[in-house]
C-alpha cells in the first residue's frame, strides 16, 4: 500500500522518542549533556516537525535539546534552526536577537554569519546585511555568492565603489560567476549613465555564457531603453532560435510584451499560444491572455481563458468580475444570469456581485421576486451571508422598508457576536440615525471604533453627527482630521471638514476645502449646498447662486424646496458683488 507523505511524517515522528514528552518527566538538567545519538534524533524530529508545519513542536524539541547543553557545533546548528523557526512563526525580533547573540559568540563561524546576513537582508536591514556579507567575502573570498549579494546590496545602497569592487572580483577572480560579474557590472554602468559601456558588459556576459538568458534579456531591455525597440525585438527572436530557447518563459514573456506594444497581432497570438502550451496551469498567464483577447474583441477566446481561471481553487472575486465583464461585452444576458445563479452557491462573492445579480433578476422577474431571490441567496453559502444581507438590507432601505432593513442587519450583527462586520455595523448606525435614534447610532459607531480605530467611514460619520452640537465641534474636528489622514481625497470626508470650518466661522477656509470636496464628488447635492452656503457667507452671491442651482437640481422633495428658498433670499439682495473676491 502506498503511504502519503503526511502519513510517513507522522510515522517517523511516532518512531522518534520525543524530548518534550519525556516519559519519566525528567528535566533537561537532570538528563545532562546529550549523546550524539540523542542529538541526531532531536535534529531529525525538529526537521520533521518543521516539514509538517508544526513549528510549535519543533521549537519545543530544539529548546529542550539546547537546555541539555550540547557541544558547540550542535549548539550552533540548533540555535540556527531555532532562529529559522522563530522567523517563520513571525517572531522576527526574537530571531534577530538570537542570531545577533550567536554571531557575537561565534564571530568566525561562516554558517552563523551567512544565516545572519541572509536574515538581515530578508527583513530589509540592508546596511547591516551589507556589513555581514562584506565580512563573509573577507573570510571566504572564494565563495562567489557572497560577492554577488555584497555587490547587489551595494547597488541598492548606492555604494558605487563597493559594488564595482564586488563585480570586478566576480569577473577577474571567479570562473563559475564570471558572466554574472559582467551582468551586474552592466547594470551598475546603466545606473551611472554609461550606456555604451553597459551594453559592452551585457555582450561580454553572453560571450562568457552563450545560454545566459538573463544576459540576453538585459541586453535587449537596454537596447529598448535606448530607443532601439525593433532591433531589440529582432535580437531576442534570433537569440531564441539560435540557442533553441523556445521553452524559456522569461524570454518569451518579454517577446509577448513587445509584440503587444508594437500591435503585431500575429506575433502576439503566436507567443500567447506558445506560453500557454508551456505553462498550462499558469493562471496569471490565462488572465493576461484574456485581456489581450478582450482588446481584440475576441470575447469567446477571452471567456474560455477566464472559465479555466475560475476552475482554479485560488480564483477570486476579481476573476468573477472579469468573467461577468466579458459576458456583458458579449451581450449574453441568459448566460450571465445562469453564471450568477451558480456562483452565489459555489464561490465567495462581494456586495458588488450581489447587486449585479439583483439588478438582473429585477429586469427579468420584477422588484418583488428579485427581493425574494436575494433573501434566499443569503442562506446558500455561510461565507456570503454578510455581504448578501448587507445588499438585501440596502435594497429594503431603498424601497422605503427602513424597519425591515434594520432588523435584518441587527440579526446579522447579533448572530455573529461582535467582531467583524464593520461595514454592516456602519450601515446599521446610519439607519439608526435615519430613524432619529442618535444614541444607538453613536453607540454603534463607538463599537466600530473600539474594534478598529482607523475605520475611516465611522470616524467621518461620527464627526458629521456631532456637528449638531456646537459643544462637540472640537471632538468632531479631531475625528474628521483622523478620517482625512487615512483618505485625504475622499469627497465626503472633505465635506465634513469643510462644514466644521464653516460652523467655526472660518468661511474662507471652508470655501477652499468644500471646493476640493465638490471636485471629488460633483454629483453630491449636499456638498453643492454646503459650498453655496460658504460662498454666501463670504458675500459671493454669483457663485452661491450657481451652486444652489446645482444642489436644487440634484436634490428631491423637501431638500430641493429648502435650497430654492435660499436662492430666493440671495436673489432678493440687490447689492453689487463686483468687488467681492472669490
Protein backbone atom coordinates (compact mmCIF):
# COMPACT_ATOMS: atom_id res chain seq x y z
CA UNK A 1 0.00 0.00 0.00
CA UNK A 2 1.33 3.42 -0.98
CA UNK A 3 1.72 5.78 2.02
CA UNK A 4 1.15 9.52 1.59
CA UNK A 5 3.89 11.95 2.61
CA UNK A 6 1.93 13.18 5.64
CA UNK A 7 1.43 9.59 6.87
CA UNK A 8 5.17 8.96 6.51
CA UNK A 9 5.95 12.08 8.55
CA UNK A 10 3.56 11.02 11.32
CA UNK A 11 5.09 7.54 11.30
CA UNK A 12 8.61 8.97 11.55
CA UNK A 13 7.63 11.31 14.40
CA UNK A 14 5.99 8.46 16.28
CA UNK A 15 9.18 6.43 15.91
CA UNK A 16 11.22 9.26 17.46
CA UNK A 17 11.33 9.38 21.25
CA UNK A 18 10.31 12.98 21.79
CA UNK A 19 12.45 15.19 24.05
CA UNK A 20 9.49 17.35 25.03
CA UNK A 21 7.45 14.34 26.18
CA UNK A 22 9.95 12.52 28.38
CA UNK A 23 8.00 9.59 29.86
CA UNK A 24 9.79 9.79 33.22
CA UNK A 25 9.20 13.55 33.45
CA UNK A 26 12.94 14.09 33.86
CA UNK A 27 14.09 17.68 33.28
CA UNK A 28 16.77 18.67 30.75
CA UNK A 29 19.19 19.47 33.57
CA UNK A 30 18.69 16.04 35.17
CA UNK A 31 19.31 14.27 31.86
CA UNK A 32 22.62 16.06 31.42
CA UNK A 33 24.58 16.54 28.17
CA UNK A 34 23.06 14.62 25.21
CA UNK A 35 24.84 11.84 23.34
CA UNK A 36 25.47 12.04 19.59
CA UNK A 37 22.51 9.67 19.05
CA UNK A 38 20.28 11.95 21.16
CA UNK A 39 21.36 14.97 19.11
CA UNK A 40 20.81 13.23 15.77
CA UNK A 41 17.36 12.10 16.91
CA UNK A 42 16.40 15.60 18.12
CA UNK A 43 17.64 17.17 14.90
CA UNK A 44 15.58 14.72 12.81
CA UNK A 45 12.48 15.23 14.96
CA UNK A 46 12.71 19.03 14.70
CA UNK A 47 13.19 18.84 10.92
CA UNK A 48 10.14 16.59 10.56
CA UNK A 49 8.01 18.95 12.65
CA UNK A 50 9.14 21.89 10.51
CA UNK A 51 8.34 19.96 7.34
CA UNK A 52 4.90 19.10 8.74
CA UNK A 53 4.31 22.79 9.57
CA UNK A 54 4.19 22.17 13.33
CA UNK A 55 6.55 24.99 14.32
CA UNK A 56 5.47 24.98 17.98
CA UNK A 57 6.57 21.36 18.50
CA UNK A 58 9.77 21.97 16.54
CA UNK A 59 10.57 24.86 18.88
CA UNK A 60 9.92 22.74 21.99
CA UNK A 61 12.26 19.99 20.76
CA UNK A 62 15.02 22.48 19.93
CA UNK A 63 14.71 24.40 23.21
CA UNK A 64 14.78 21.16 25.23
CA UNK A 65 17.89 20.00 23.35
CA UNK A 66 19.67 23.32 23.94
CA UNK A 67 18.77 23.18 27.65
CA UNK A 68 20.81 19.95 27.86
CA UNK A 69 23.98 21.92 26.99
CA UNK A 70 25.09 20.19 23.77
CA UNK A 71 28.63 20.63 22.33
CA UNK A 72 29.36 23.90 20.49
CA UNK A 73 28.93 22.52 16.95
CA UNK A 74 25.47 21.08 17.78
CA UNK A 75 24.52 24.18 19.78
CA UNK A 76 25.20 26.32 16.71
CA UNK A 77 23.06 24.06 14.49
CA UNK A 78 20.13 24.02 16.95
CA UNK A 79 20.30 27.80 17.52
CA UNK A 80 20.33 28.41 13.76
CA UNK A 81 17.34 26.14 13.27
CA UNK A 82 15.52 27.76 16.19
CA UNK A 83 16.08 31.22 14.68
CA UNK A 84 14.55 30.00 11.40
CA UNK A 85 11.55 28.59 13.29
CA UNK A 86 11.07 31.92 15.10
CA UNK A 87 11.31 33.86 11.85
CA UNK A 88 8.76 31.54 10.19
CA UNK A 89 6.43 31.99 13.20
CA UNK A 90 6.52 35.77 12.74
CA UNK A 91 8.77 36.28 15.78
CA UNK A 92 11.23 38.41 13.83
CA UNK A 93 12.64 40.26 16.82
CA UNK A 94 13.41 37.05 18.73
CA UNK A 95 15.10 35.54 15.65
CA UNK A 96 17.16 38.70 15.17
CA UNK A 97 18.30 38.71 18.83
CA UNK A 98 19.16 35.01 18.70
CA UNK A 99 21.29 35.34 15.56
CA UNK A 100 22.97 38.51 16.80
CA UNK A 101 23.91 36.82 20.08
CA UNK A 102 25.10 33.72 18.22
CA UNK A 103 27.24 35.87 15.88
CA UNK A 104 28.84 37.64 18.83
CA UNK A 105 29.66 34.28 20.49
CA UNK A 106 30.96 32.65 17.30
CA UNK A 107 32.21 35.58 15.18
CA UNK A 108 34.25 33.39 12.82
CA UNK A 109 31.56 30.76 12.18
CA UNK A 110 30.69 31.02 8.49
CA UNK A 111 27.29 29.29 8.75
CA UNK A 112 26.13 31.60 11.56
CA UNK A 113 27.35 34.69 9.73
CA UNK A 114 25.72 33.57 6.46
CA UNK A 115 22.40 32.90 8.26
CA UNK A 116 22.59 36.32 9.92
CA UNK A 117 23.36 38.07 6.63
CA UNK A 118 20.50 36.30 4.84
CA UNK A 119 18.08 37.04 7.67
CA UNK A 120 19.05 40.73 7.80
CA UNK A 121 18.53 41.02 4.05
CA UNK A 122 15.13 39.31 4.37
CA UNK A 123 13.89 41.83 6.95
CA UNK A 124 15.31 44.73 4.89
CA UNK A 125 18.12 45.65 7.31
CA UNK A 126 20.26 46.35 4.27
CA UNK A 127 23.14 48.24 5.86
CA UNK A 128 23.70 45.50 8.46
CA UNK A 129 23.29 42.79 5.79
CA UNK A 130 25.92 44.53 3.64
CA UNK A 131 28.36 44.57 6.56
CA UNK A 132 27.76 40.85 7.17
CA UNK A 133 28.35 39.94 3.51
CA UNK A 134 31.41 42.19 3.44
CA UNK A 135 32.82 40.19 6.37
CA UNK A 136 31.95 36.91 4.61
CA UNK A 137 33.83 37.93 1.44
CA UNK A 138 36.91 38.53 3.59
CA UNK A 139 36.57 35.24 5.47
CA UNK A 140 35.69 33.14 2.40
CA UNK A 141 36.87 35.09 -0.70
CA UNK A 142 36.43 32.04 -2.96
CA UNK A 143 32.65 31.90 -2.31
CA UNK A 144 31.04 33.65 -5.34
CA UNK A 145 27.55 34.01 -3.82
CA UNK A 146 28.80 36.24 -1.02
CA UNK A 147 30.36 38.61 -3.56
CA UNK A 148 27.12 38.63 -5.55
CA UNK A 149 25.00 39.54 -2.50
CA UNK A 150 27.51 42.11 -1.34
CA UNK A 151 27.55 43.74 -4.78
CA UNK A 152 23.77 43.75 -5.17
CA UNK A 153 23.32 45.26 -1.71
CA UNK A 154 25.95 47.87 -2.55
CA UNK A 155 23.91 48.70 -5.69
CA UNK A 156 20.71 49.09 -3.63
CA UNK A 157 22.53 51.28 -1.09
CA UNK A 158 24.20 53.38 -3.85
CA UNK A 159 27.67 52.28 -2.67
CA UNK A 160 29.08 52.52 -6.20
CA UNK A 161 32.72 51.83 -5.34
CA UNK A 162 31.92 48.72 -3.27
CA UNK A 163 29.57 47.42 -5.99
CA UNK A 164 32.31 47.94 -8.61
CA UNK A 165 34.87 46.04 -6.50
CA UNK A 166 32.46 43.13 -5.96
CA UNK A 167 31.54 42.74 -9.63
CA UNK A 168 35.16 43.23 -10.71
CA UNK A 169 36.12 40.38 -8.36
CA UNK A 170 33.48 38.13 -9.96
CA UNK A 171 34.81 38.94 -13.46
CA UNK A 172 38.51 38.54 -12.75
CA UNK A 173 38.78 36.05 -9.87
CA UNK A 174 35.96 33.52 -10.33
CA UNK A 175 35.12 31.01 -13.02
CA UNK A 176 31.59 29.98 -12.02
CA UNK A 177 30.18 33.53 -11.73
CA UNK A 178 32.17 35.47 -14.36
CA UNK A 179 29.08 36.02 -16.55
CA UNK A 180 27.14 37.37 -13.53
CA UNK A 181 30.01 39.79 -12.86
CA UNK A 182 29.59 41.19 -16.37
CA UNK A 183 25.78 41.26 -16.00
CA UNK A 184 25.81 43.22 -12.73
CA UNK A 185 28.67 45.45 -13.88
CA UNK A 186 26.47 46.33 -16.86
CA UNK A 187 23.60 47.22 -14.51
CA UNK A 188 25.95 49.39 -12.45
CA UNK A 189 27.14 51.22 -15.57
CA UNK A 190 23.50 51.65 -16.61
CA UNK A 191 22.74 53.29 -13.26
CA UNK A 192 25.67 55.67 -13.69
CA UNK A 193 24.60 56.54 -17.29
CA UNK A 194 27.47 54.84 -19.11
CA UNK A 195 25.18 53.33 -21.78
CA UNK A 196 27.78 52.12 -24.28
CA UNK A 197 29.96 50.56 -21.60
CA UNK A 198 26.88 48.89 -20.08
CA UNK A 199 25.99 47.35 -23.47
CA UNK A 200 29.55 46.06 -23.81
CA UNK A 201 29.29 44.32 -20.42
CA UNK A 202 25.99 42.65 -21.38
CA UNK A 203 27.61 41.39 -24.60
CA UNK A 204 30.62 40.13 -22.64
CA UNK A 205 28.20 38.29 -20.37
CA UNK A 206 26.81 36.45 -23.42
CA UNK A 207 30.32 35.81 -24.71
CA UNK A 208 31.25 34.06 -21.44
CA UNK A 209 27.96 32.10 -21.33
CA UNK A 210 26.00 32.00 -24.60
CA UNK A 211 22.96 30.50 -22.90
CA UNK A 212 22.73 33.04 -20.07
CA UNK A 213 19.12 34.11 -20.64
CA UNK A 214 19.30 36.87 -18.05
CA UNK A 215 22.15 38.48 -20.04
CA UNK A 216 20.17 38.30 -23.30
CA UNK A 217 17.11 39.82 -21.63
CA UNK A 218 19.15 42.60 -20.06
CA UNK A 219 20.87 43.43 -23.36
CA UNK A 220 17.52 43.50 -25.19
CA UNK A 221 15.95 45.70 -22.49
CA UNK A 222 18.96 48.02 -22.62
CA UNK A 223 18.58 48.37 -26.39
CA UNK A 224 14.89 49.14 -25.93
CA UNK A 225 15.67 51.87 -23.38
CA UNK A 226 17.96 53.45 -25.98
CA UNK A 227 15.02 53.60 -28.42
CA UNK A 228 16.10 50.56 -30.46
CA UNK A 229 12.93 48.53 -29.85
CA UNK A 230 12.79 46.89 -33.30
CA UNK A 231 16.46 45.93 -33.06
CA UNK A 232 15.96 44.57 -29.52
CA UNK A 233 12.93 42.52 -30.63
CA UNK A 234 14.87 41.08 -33.59
CA UNK A 235 17.90 40.28 -31.41
CA UNK A 236 15.78 38.41 -28.86
CA UNK A 237 13.89 36.44 -31.53
CA UNK A 238 17.19 35.41 -33.18
CA UNK A 239 18.59 34.51 -29.77
CA UNK A 240 15.63 32.20 -29.08
CA UNK A 241 16.06 30.49 -32.46
CA UNK A 242 19.87 30.20 -32.29
CA UNK A 243 20.00 28.76 -28.79
CA UNK A 244 16.84 26.65 -29.03
CA UNK A 245 15.30 28.52 -26.10
CA UNK A 246 11.71 28.06 -27.23
CA UNK A 247 10.89 26.87 -23.73
CA UNK A 248 12.37 29.90 -21.94
CA UNK A 249 9.34 31.51 -20.31
CA UNK A 250 11.01 34.84 -19.21
CA UNK A 251 12.33 35.46 -22.75
CA UNK A 252 9.01 34.53 -24.36
CA UNK A 253 7.12 36.81 -21.94
CA UNK A 254 9.37 39.71 -22.95
CA UNK A 255 8.69 38.95 -26.65
CA UNK A 256 4.94 38.83 -25.91
CA UNK A 257 5.16 42.20 -24.16
CA UNK A 258 6.94 43.76 -27.15
CA UNK A 259 4.62 42.21 -29.73
CA UNK A 260 1.70 43.70 -27.78
CA UNK A 261 3.36 47.13 -27.71
CA UNK A 262 4.05 47.01 -31.45
CA UNK A 263 0.48 45.89 -32.22
CA UNK A 264 1.67 42.82 -34.12
CA UNK A 265 -1.37 40.55 -33.72
CA UNK A 266 0.18 37.53 -35.46
CA UNK A 267 3.21 37.50 -33.16
CA UNK A 268 1.07 38.23 -30.10
CA UNK A 269 -1.11 35.20 -30.90
CA UNK A 270 1.97 33.08 -31.50
CA UNK A 271 3.59 33.91 -28.16
CA UNK A 272 0.33 33.55 -26.23
CA UNK A 273 -0.13 30.10 -27.76
CA UNK A 274 3.48 29.04 -27.04
CA UNK A 275 3.38 30.29 -23.43
CA UNK A 276 0.01 28.65 -22.73
CA UNK A 277 1.38 25.37 -24.05
CA UNK A 278 4.47 25.66 -21.84
CA UNK A 279 2.58 26.81 -18.75
CA UNK A 280 -0.92 25.28 -18.94
CA UNK A 281 -1.52 25.80 -15.21
CA UNK A 282 -0.26 29.42 -15.07
CA UNK A 283 -3.46 31.27 -14.18
CA UNK A 284 -1.82 34.71 -14.38
CA UNK A 285 -0.93 33.93 -17.97
CA UNK A 286 -4.56 32.95 -18.64
CA UNK A 287 -5.70 36.28 -17.17
CA UNK A 288 -3.21 38.16 -19.34
CA UNK A 289 -4.34 36.24 -22.43
CA UNK A 290 -7.99 37.05 -21.63
CA UNK A 291 -7.17 40.80 -21.51
CA UNK A 292 -5.37 40.54 -24.85
CA UNK A 293 -8.37 38.85 -26.45
CA UNK A 294 -10.75 41.45 -24.96
CA UNK A 295 -8.68 44.23 -26.55
CA UNK A 296 -9.01 42.41 -29.88
CA UNK A 297 -12.74 41.91 -29.28
CA UNK A 298 -12.30 38.14 -29.44
CA UNK A 299 -14.63 37.71 -26.49
CA UNK A 300 -15.13 33.96 -26.92
CA UNK A 301 -11.37 33.29 -26.53
CA UNK A 302 -11.26 35.64 -23.52
CA UNK A 303 -14.23 33.83 -21.97
CA UNK A 304 -12.58 30.41 -22.45
CA UNK A 305 -9.43 31.59 -20.61
CA UNK A 306 -11.35 33.09 -17.70
CA UNK A 307 -13.51 29.94 -17.42
CA UNK A 308 -10.28 27.97 -16.82
CA UNK A 309 -9.16 30.55 -14.21
CA UNK A 310 -12.49 30.26 -12.39
CA UNK A 311 -11.97 26.50 -12.18
CA UNK A 312 -8.83 27.08 -10.13
CA UNK A 313 -9.30 26.97 -6.35
CA UNK A 314 -7.25 30.18 -5.96
CA UNK A 315 -9.55 32.24 -8.19
CA UNK A 316 -11.25 35.17 -6.51
CA UNK A 317 -13.76 37.99 -6.77
CA UNK A 318 -11.72 39.92 -9.39
CA UNK A 319 -11.83 36.86 -11.66
CA UNK A 320 -15.61 36.59 -11.24
CA UNK A 321 -15.92 40.31 -12.11
CA UNK A 322 -13.71 39.82 -15.19
CA UNK A 323 -15.85 36.92 -16.40
CA UNK A 324 -19.03 38.97 -15.87
CA UNK A 325 -17.45 41.84 -17.81
CA UNK A 326 -16.76 39.51 -20.76
CA UNK A 327 -20.35 38.20 -20.70
CA UNK A 328 -21.58 41.79 -20.68
CA UNK A 329 -19.43 42.60 -23.71
CA UNK A 330 -20.90 39.54 -25.43
CA UNK A 331 -24.39 40.86 -24.52
CA UNK A 332 -25.23 37.39 -23.27
CA UNK A 333 -27.84 38.08 -20.61
CA UNK A 334 -29.05 34.49 -20.38
CA UNK A 335 -25.58 33.08 -19.69
CA UNK A 336 -24.83 35.95 -17.28
CA UNK A 337 -27.93 35.06 -15.29
CA UNK A 338 -27.08 31.34 -15.29
CA UNK A 339 -23.50 32.09 -14.20
CA UNK A 340 -24.65 34.31 -11.32
CA UNK A 341 -27.19 31.69 -10.20
CA UNK A 342 -24.34 29.18 -9.90
CA UNK A 343 -21.72 31.49 -8.44
CA UNK A 344 -23.78 32.53 -5.38
CA UNK A 345 -23.91 28.85 -4.38
CA UNK A 346 -20.27 27.95 -5.01
CA UNK A 347 -17.94 30.97 -4.57
CA UNK A 348 -17.22 33.69 -2.05
CA UNK A 349 -18.50 36.91 -3.61
CA UNK A 350 -18.83 40.56 -2.60
CA UNK A 351 -21.61 43.14 -2.43
CA UNK A 352 -20.94 44.39 -5.97
CA UNK A 353 -21.71 40.98 -7.50
CA UNK A 354 -24.84 40.56 -5.37
CA UNK A 355 -26.02 43.98 -6.62
CA UNK A 356 -25.39 42.86 -10.23
CA UNK A 357 -27.40 39.69 -9.69
CA UNK A 358 -30.27 41.59 -8.03
CA UNK A 359 -30.46 44.13 -10.86
CA UNK A 360 -30.52 41.35 -13.47
CA UNK A 361 -33.19 39.42 -11.52
CA UNK A 362 -35.17 42.65 -11.25
CA UNK A 363 -35.04 43.10 -15.04
CA UNK A 364 -36.21 39.52 -15.61
CA UNK A 365 -38.69 38.97 -12.76
CA UNK A 366 -39.53 42.38 -11.30
CA UNK A 367 -38.73 44.01 -7.93
CA UNK A 368 -40.66 41.75 -5.55
CA UNK A 369 -39.43 38.42 -6.90
CA UNK A 370 -35.86 39.78 -7.19
CA UNK A 371 -36.02 40.71 -3.48
CA UNK A 372 -37.22 37.18 -2.57
CA UNK A 373 -34.44 35.58 -4.63
CA UNK A 374 -31.86 37.82 -2.97
CA UNK A 375 -33.17 37.00 0.51
CA UNK A 376 -32.98 33.25 -0.22
CA UNK A 377 -29.44 33.65 -1.60
CA UNK A 378 -28.25 34.88 1.80
CA UNK A 379 -28.63 31.40 3.31
CA UNK A 380 -27.00 29.46 0.44
CA UNK A 381 -23.37 29.91 1.50
CA UNK A 382 -22.26 30.84 5.02
CA UNK A 383 -19.27 32.96 3.93
CA UNK A 384 -21.55 35.08 1.68
CA UNK A 385 -24.18 35.80 4.35
CA UNK A 386 -22.64 39.08 5.47
CA UNK A 387 -22.28 40.66 2.01
CA UNK A 388 -25.66 39.30 0.85
CA UNK A 389 -27.51 40.59 3.96
CA UNK A 390 -25.83 43.97 3.51
CA UNK A 391 -27.15 44.21 -0.09
CA UNK A 392 -30.60 42.90 0.88
CA UNK A 393 -30.87 45.50 3.66
CA UNK A 394 -29.76 48.24 1.27
CA UNK A 395 -32.46 47.21 -1.25
CA UNK A 396 -35.08 47.22 1.53
CA UNK A 397 -33.96 50.70 2.61
CA UNK A 398 -34.20 51.95 -0.98
CA UNK A 399 -37.74 50.54 -1.13
CA UNK A 400 -38.68 52.51 2.00
CA UNK A 401 -38.67 49.44 4.29
CA UNK A 402 -36.47 51.04 6.94
CA UNK A 403 -37.59 48.90 9.89
CA UNK A 404 -37.16 45.64 7.96
CA UNK A 405 -33.68 46.67 6.83
CA UNK A 406 -32.70 47.48 10.41
CA UNK A 407 -33.98 44.14 11.74
CA UNK A 408 -32.04 42.21 9.10
CA UNK A 409 -28.80 43.95 9.99
CA UNK A 410 -29.40 43.63 13.74
CA UNK A 411 -29.90 39.88 13.33
CA UNK A 412 -26.74 39.57 11.22
CA UNK A 413 -24.63 41.51 13.73
CA UNK A 414 -26.19 39.74 16.74
CA UNK A 415 -25.76 36.23 15.29
CA UNK A 416 -22.08 36.82 14.65
CA UNK A 417 -21.31 38.18 18.09
CA UNK A 418 -19.29 41.33 17.98
CA UNK A 419 -16.13 41.32 15.94
CA UNK A 420 -16.01 41.80 12.19
CA UNK A 421 -18.89 43.01 10.03
CA UNK A 422 -17.72 46.62 10.27
CA UNK A 423 -19.46 47.58 7.04
CA UNK A 424 -22.79 46.15 8.21
CA UNK A 425 -22.45 47.82 11.62
CA UNK A 426 -21.68 51.12 9.92
CA UNK A 427 -24.78 50.76 7.72
CA UNK A 428 -26.82 49.96 10.85
CA UNK A 429 -25.60 53.15 12.56
CA UNK A 430 -26.83 55.14 9.53
CA UNK A 431 -30.26 53.51 9.77
CA UNK A 432 -30.47 54.31 13.48
CA UNK A 433 -29.79 57.96 12.68
CA UNK A 434 -32.42 57.97 9.90
CA UNK A 435 -34.91 56.66 12.50
CA UNK A 436 -33.94 59.52 14.81
CA UNK A 437 -32.21 57.21 17.29
CA UNK A 438 -28.97 59.19 17.64
CA UNK A 439 -28.00 57.48 20.90
CA UNK A 440 -27.96 53.99 19.33
CA UNK A 441 -26.22 55.33 16.21
CA UNK A 442 -23.41 56.82 18.31
CA UNK A 443 -23.17 53.66 20.41
CA UNK A 444 -22.74 51.57 17.26
CA UNK A 445 -20.08 53.95 15.90
CA UNK A 446 -18.21 53.72 19.22
CA UNK A 447 -18.37 49.92 18.99
CA UNK A 448 -16.91 50.03 15.47
CA UNK A 449 -14.08 52.38 16.51
CA UNK A 450 -13.29 50.26 19.57
CA UNK A 451 -12.77 47.36 17.18
CA UNK A 452 -10.92 49.35 14.52
CA UNK A 453 -9.61 52.81 15.43
CA UNK A 454 -8.76 53.65 11.81
CA UNK A 455 -12.10 52.73 10.21
CA UNK A 456 -12.43 55.97 8.26
CA UNK A 457 -16.18 55.82 7.38
CA UNK A 458 -17.08 55.58 11.09
CA UNK A 459 -14.67 58.38 12.03
CA UNK A 460 -16.21 60.67 9.43
CA UNK A 461 -19.84 59.73 10.17
CA UNK A 462 -19.38 60.27 13.90
CA UNK A 463 -17.73 63.64 13.20
CA UNK A 464 -20.64 64.68 10.97
CA UNK A 465 -23.21 63.51 13.52
CA UNK A 466 -21.51 65.53 16.28
CA UNK A 467 -21.88 68.69 14.19
CA UNK A 468 -25.43 69.10 15.50
CA UNK A 469 -23.98 70.50 18.72
CA UNK A 470 -21.58 73.47 18.93
CA UNK A 471 -20.20 71.94 22.14
CA UNK A 472 -18.92 68.93 20.17
CA UNK A 473 -17.13 70.87 17.38
CA UNK A 474 -13.69 70.20 18.84
CA UNK A 475 -14.25 66.43 19.02
CA UNK A 476 -15.85 66.46 15.55
CA UNK A 477 -12.81 68.24 14.09
CA UNK A 478 -10.39 65.71 15.65
CA UNK A 479 -12.37 62.78 14.23
CA UNK A 480 -12.68 64.45 10.83
CA UNK A 481 -8.94 65.06 10.59
CA UNK A 482 -8.26 61.41 11.51
CA UNK A 483 -10.55 60.27 8.66
CA UNK A 484 -8.84 62.64 6.22
CA UNK A 485 -5.40 61.40 7.27
CA UNK A 486 -6.49 57.94 6.07
CA UNK A 487 -8.27 59.07 2.87
CA UNK A 488 -7.25 62.67 2.07
CA UNK A 489 -9.05 62.77 -1.29
CA UNK A 490 -12.41 61.46 -0.11
CA UNK A 491 -15.10 63.98 -1.11
CA UNK A 492 -17.42 63.13 1.79
CA UNK A 493 -14.64 63.49 4.36
CA UNK A 494 -13.56 66.82 2.85
CA UNK A 495 -17.18 67.97 3.01
CA UNK A 496 -17.38 67.13 6.73
CA UNK A 497 -14.17 69.03 7.49
CA UNK A 498 -15.24 71.97 5.32
CA UNK A 499 -18.57 72.17 7.14
CA UNK A 500 -16.79 72.05 10.52
CA UNK A 501 -14.72 75.07 9.42
CA UNK A 502 -17.95 76.79 8.34
CA UNK A 503 -19.52 76.14 11.75
CA UNK A 504 -16.41 77.60 13.39
CA UNK A 505 -16.88 80.80 11.36
CA UNK A 506 -13.80 80.20 9.18
CA UNK A 507 -15.74 80.86 5.97
CA UNK A 508 -12.86 81.43 3.51
CA UNK A 509 -11.03 78.31 4.75
CA UNK A 510 -14.34 76.47 4.47
CA UNK A 511 -14.74 77.53 0.81
CA UNK A 512 -11.26 76.17 -0.07
CA UNK A 513 -11.94 72.75 1.48
CA UNK A 514 -15.51 72.47 0.16
CA UNK A 515 -14.29 73.28 -3.36
CA UNK A 516 -11.96 70.27 -3.10
CA UNK A 517 -14.87 68.16 -1.86
CA UNK A 518 -17.01 69.26 -4.83
CA UNK A 519 -14.21 68.44 -7.30
CA UNK A 520 -14.14 64.90 -5.88
CA UNK A 521 -17.95 64.50 -5.75
CA UNK A 522 -19.68 66.90 -8.19
CA UNK A 523 -22.80 64.69 -8.10
CA UNK A 524 -23.43 65.18 -4.37
CA UNK A 525 -26.26 67.64 -3.67
CA UNK A 526 -25.33 68.22 -0.02
CA UNK A 527 -21.73 69.14 -0.91
CA UNK A 528 -23.00 71.60 -3.55
CA UNK A 529 -25.37 73.15 -0.97
CA UNK A 530 -22.60 73.46 1.64
CA UNK A 531 -20.32 75.14 -0.91
CA UNK A 532 -23.13 77.54 -1.85
CA UNK A 533 -23.66 78.38 1.85
CA UNK A 534 -19.93 79.07 2.23
CA UNK A 535 -19.86 81.37 -0.82
CA UNK A 536 -22.94 83.17 0.50
CA UNK A 537 -21.16 83.64 3.86
CA UNK A 538 -18.21 85.45 2.21
CA UNK A 539 -20.62 87.59 0.12
CA UNK A 540 -20.05 85.93 -3.28
CA UNK A 541 -23.68 85.79 -4.40
CA UNK A 542 -22.92 84.77 -8.03
CA UNK A 543 -21.14 81.60 -7.01
CA UNK A 544 -23.59 80.97 -4.19
CA UNK A 545 -26.48 81.06 -6.72
CA UNK A 546 -24.57 78.81 -9.13
CA UNK A 547 -24.07 76.07 -6.52
CA UNK A 548 -27.58 76.45 -5.07
CA UNK A 549 -28.95 75.82 -8.57
CA UNK A 550 -26.77 72.73 -8.89
CA UNK A 551 -27.90 71.46 -5.48
CA UNK A 552 -31.57 72.13 -6.29
CA UNK A 553 -31.25 70.04 -9.46
CA UNK A 554 -29.63 67.16 -7.56
CA UNK A 555 -31.98 67.21 -4.55
CA UNK A 556 -35.57 65.97 -4.49
CA UNK A 557 -38.61 66.92 -2.38
CA UNK A 558 -38.18 68.92 0.83
CA UNK A 559 -34.43 69.33 0.38
CA UNK A 560 -34.90 70.93 -3.04
CA UNK A 561 -37.54 73.29 -1.57
CA UNK A 562 -35.12 74.35 1.21
CA UNK A 563 -32.40 75.15 -1.35
CA UNK A 564 -34.90 77.07 -3.53
CA UNK A 565 -35.77 79.26 -0.53
CA UNK A 566 -32.06 80.02 -0.02
CA UNK A 567 -31.79 81.01 -3.70
CA UNK A 568 -34.80 83.29 -3.40
CA UNK A 569 -33.24 85.06 -0.40
CA UNK A 570 -29.96 85.58 -2.28
CA UNK A 571 -31.78 86.97 -5.32
CA UNK A 572 -33.67 89.50 -3.16
CA UNK A 573 -30.33 91.02 -2.12
CA UNK A 574 -29.62 93.53 -4.92
CA UNK A 575 -26.22 94.68 -3.65
CA UNK A 576 -23.39 94.80 -6.14
CA UNK A 577 -20.93 91.95 -5.85
CA UNK A 578 -18.34 93.11 -8.39
CA UNK A 579 -15.81 93.87 -5.65
CA UNK A 580 -16.30 90.65 -3.71
CA UNK A 581 -13.29 88.32 -4.08
CA UNK A 582 -13.75 84.59 -4.91
